[in-house]
Amino acid sequence: MYKTILVPIDMAHVAEGKVNIDLAAKHATGGSKVILLNVVEDIPNWAAVELPANLLEKSIEAAQTELKAIANASGMKMDVVVRTGHSYNTILDVAKEKNADLIIIASHRPGLQDYFLGSTAAKVVRHARCSVLVVR
């Protein structure tokens, strides 16, 4: 069905991510590529001064290790990508860069902040140039 499937995973909600990997397996064909993505939010310079040294690098390393473990446990061959930036922009950038034709993204119950700013999943749906499957 789909050649390249992008599955963004929020490390705070790994259980939802594992469900999305199962969905990716169902939508993949024999030659499909599944890409697991985690976006580590940038730390503003004004805040980085007060935080321990190498915090961003350690966060990236931890995310890569955990994503690789998730990929290995799934039994599927997947690429693992960890980037820094704002979640929805980075998801869209990686989807474009990797020529994704499907993004499978989890959506949580919206809180008050989401009604004013919009959730990551909502922004991805509005701006993606490929199909998006939102899992709630």
Protein backbone atom coordinates (compact mmCIF):
# COMPACT_ATOMS: atom_id res chain seq x y z
CA MET A 1 0.00 0.00 0.00
CA TYR A 2 2.49 2.61 1.18
CA LYS A 3 6.17 2.76 0.32
CA THR A 4 7.42 4.98 3.15
CA ILE A 5 5.64 5.25 6.49
CA LEU A 6 6.73 7.78 9.09
CA VAL A 7 5.83 7.02 12.71
CA PRO A 8 6.64 9.88 15.12
CA ILE A 9 7.01 8.61 18.69
CA ASP A 10 6.71 10.79 21.79
CA MET A 11 8.97 9.22 24.42
CA ALA A 12 6.49 10.30 27.12
CA HIS A 13 3.80 8.16 25.41
CA VAL A 14 5.67 5.07 24.21
CA ALA A 15 2.61 2.79 24.56
CA GLU A 16 0.74 4.79 21.91
CA GLY A 17 3.84 4.64 19.74
CA LYS A 18 3.91 0.85 19.88
CA VAL A 19 0.27 0.75 18.74
CA ASN A 20 1.23 2.99 15.82
CA ILE A 21 4.06 0.65 14.87
CA ASP A 22 1.57 -2.22 14.72
CA LEU A 23 -0.61 -0.08 12.42
CA ALA A 24 2.40 0.69 10.25
CA ALA A 25 3.02 -3.05 9.87
CA LYS A 26 -0.57 -3.51 8.69
CA HIS A 27 -0.28 -0.70 6.13
CA ALA A 28 3.15 -1.73 4.86
CA THR A 29 3.84 -3.94 1.87
CA GLY A 30 6.86 -6.16 1.35
CA GLY A 31 9.08 -3.33 0.13
CA SER A 32 7.84 -0.63 2.48
CA LYS A 33 10.16 1.39 4.65
CA VAL A 34 9.03 2.31 8.17
CA ILE A 35 10.78 5.23 9.87
CA LEU A 36 10.54 5.82 13.61
CA LEU A 37 11.04 9.47 14.51
CA ASN A 38 11.50 11.21 17.81
CA VAL A 39 11.81 14.97 18.05
CA VAL A 40 13.77 16.30 21.00
CA GLU A 41 12.57 19.83 21.65
CA ASP A 42 15.22 22.54 21.35
CA ILE A 43 16.30 24.12 24.59
CA PRO A 44 16.25 27.93 24.36
CA ASN A 45 19.65 29.52 24.95
CA TRP A 46 18.40 31.46 27.95
CA ALA A 47 17.35 28.20 29.62
CA ALA A 48 20.32 26.10 28.48
CA VAL A 49 22.67 28.18 30.64
CA GLU A 50 20.92 26.95 33.78
CA LEU A 51 20.79 23.28 32.76
CA PRO A 52 23.51 20.61 33.08
CA ALA A 53 26.07 20.48 30.29
CA ASN A 54 25.33 18.12 27.39
CA LEU A 55 21.67 17.70 28.40
CA LEU A 56 20.48 17.90 24.77
CA GLU A 57 23.08 15.38 23.59
CA LYS A 58 22.15 12.99 26.41
CA SER A 59 18.46 13.33 25.53
CA ILE A 60 19.19 12.53 21.88
CA GLU A 61 21.30 9.51 22.86
CA ALA A 62 18.60 8.20 25.21
CA ALA A 63 15.91 8.63 22.54
CA GLN A 64 18.01 6.77 19.94
CA THR A 65 18.65 3.91 22.34
CA GLU A 66 14.98 3.59 23.27
CA LEU A 67 13.76 3.83 19.66
CA LYS A 68 16.22 1.15 18.57
CA ALA A 69 14.97 -1.11 21.37
CA ILE A 70 11.36 -0.50 20.28
CA ALA A 71 12.26 -1.23 16.65
CA ASN A 72 14.08 -4.45 17.59
CA ALA A 73 11.19 -5.61 19.79
CA SER A 74 8.71 -5.08 16.94
CA GLY A 75 10.47 -7.62 14.75
CA MET A 76 10.28 -5.27 11.76
CA LYS A 77 13.24 -3.64 10.04
CA MET A 78 12.88 0.09 10.65
CA ASP A 79 15.00 3.19 10.34
CA VAL A 80 15.42 5.24 13.51
CA VAL A 81 15.70 9.03 13.27
CA VAL A 82 16.11 11.48 16.15
CA ARG A 83 16.06 15.20 15.43
CA THR A 84 15.92 18.40 17.43
CA GLY A 85 13.45 21.19 16.80
CA HIS A 86 9.76 21.90 17.12
CA SER A 87 7.73 18.71 16.84
CA TYR A 88 5.29 19.45 14.04
CA ASN A 89 7.79 21.33 11.85
CA THR A 90 10.36 18.58 12.24
CA ILE A 91 7.81 15.83 11.52
CA LEU A 92 6.79 17.62 8.33
CA ASP A 93 10.43 18.23 7.33
CA VAL A 94 11.38 14.56 7.82
CA ALA A 95 8.25 13.42 5.93
CA LYS A 96 9.25 15.61 2.99
CA GLU A 97 12.93 14.62 3.17
CA LYS A 98 12.17 10.88 3.31
CA ASN A 99 9.32 11.07 0.74
CA ALA A 100 6.82 9.62 3.21
CA ASP A 101 3.45 8.78 1.74
CA LEU A 102 1.87 8.07 5.15
CA ILE A 103 2.37 9.55 8.62
CA ILE A 104 0.89 7.61 11.53
CA ILE A 105 0.68 9.92 14.54
CA ALA A 106 -0.87 9.59 17.99
CA SER A 107 -3.17 12.25 19.36
CA HIS A 108 -3.96 12.72 23.02
CA ARG A 109 -7.08 14.22 24.50
CA PRO A 110 -6.80 17.97 23.98
CA GLY A 111 -6.24 20.21 26.98
CA LEU A 112 -7.00 23.89 27.26
CA GLN A 113 -3.62 24.82 25.80
CA ASP A 114 -4.35 22.76 22.66
CA TYR A 115 -7.56 24.67 22.00
CA PHE A 116 -5.61 27.91 21.79
CA LEU A 117 -2.43 26.71 20.11
CA GLY A 118 -3.44 23.47 18.38
CA SER A 119 -1.92 20.06 18.99
CA THR A 120 1.04 18.63 17.12
CA ALA A 121 -1.18 16.06 15.41
CA ALA A 122 -3.63 18.76 14.28
CA LYS A 123 -0.83 20.84 12.78
CA VAL A 124 0.63 17.82 11.01
CA VAL A 125 -2.81 16.97 9.55
CA ARG A 126 -3.31 20.53 8.31
CA HIS A 127 0.09 20.92 6.68
CA ALA A 128 1.23 17.45 5.57
CA ARG A 129 1.57 16.77 1.87
CA CYS A 130 0.85 13.09 2.33
CA SER A 131 -1.79 10.96 4.02
CA VAL A 132 -1.98 11.17 7.80
CA LEU A 133 -3.52 8.54 10.06
CA VAL A 134 -4.32 9.97 13.49
CA VAL A 135 -4.68 7.43 16.27
CA ARG A 136 -6.52 8.37 19.41
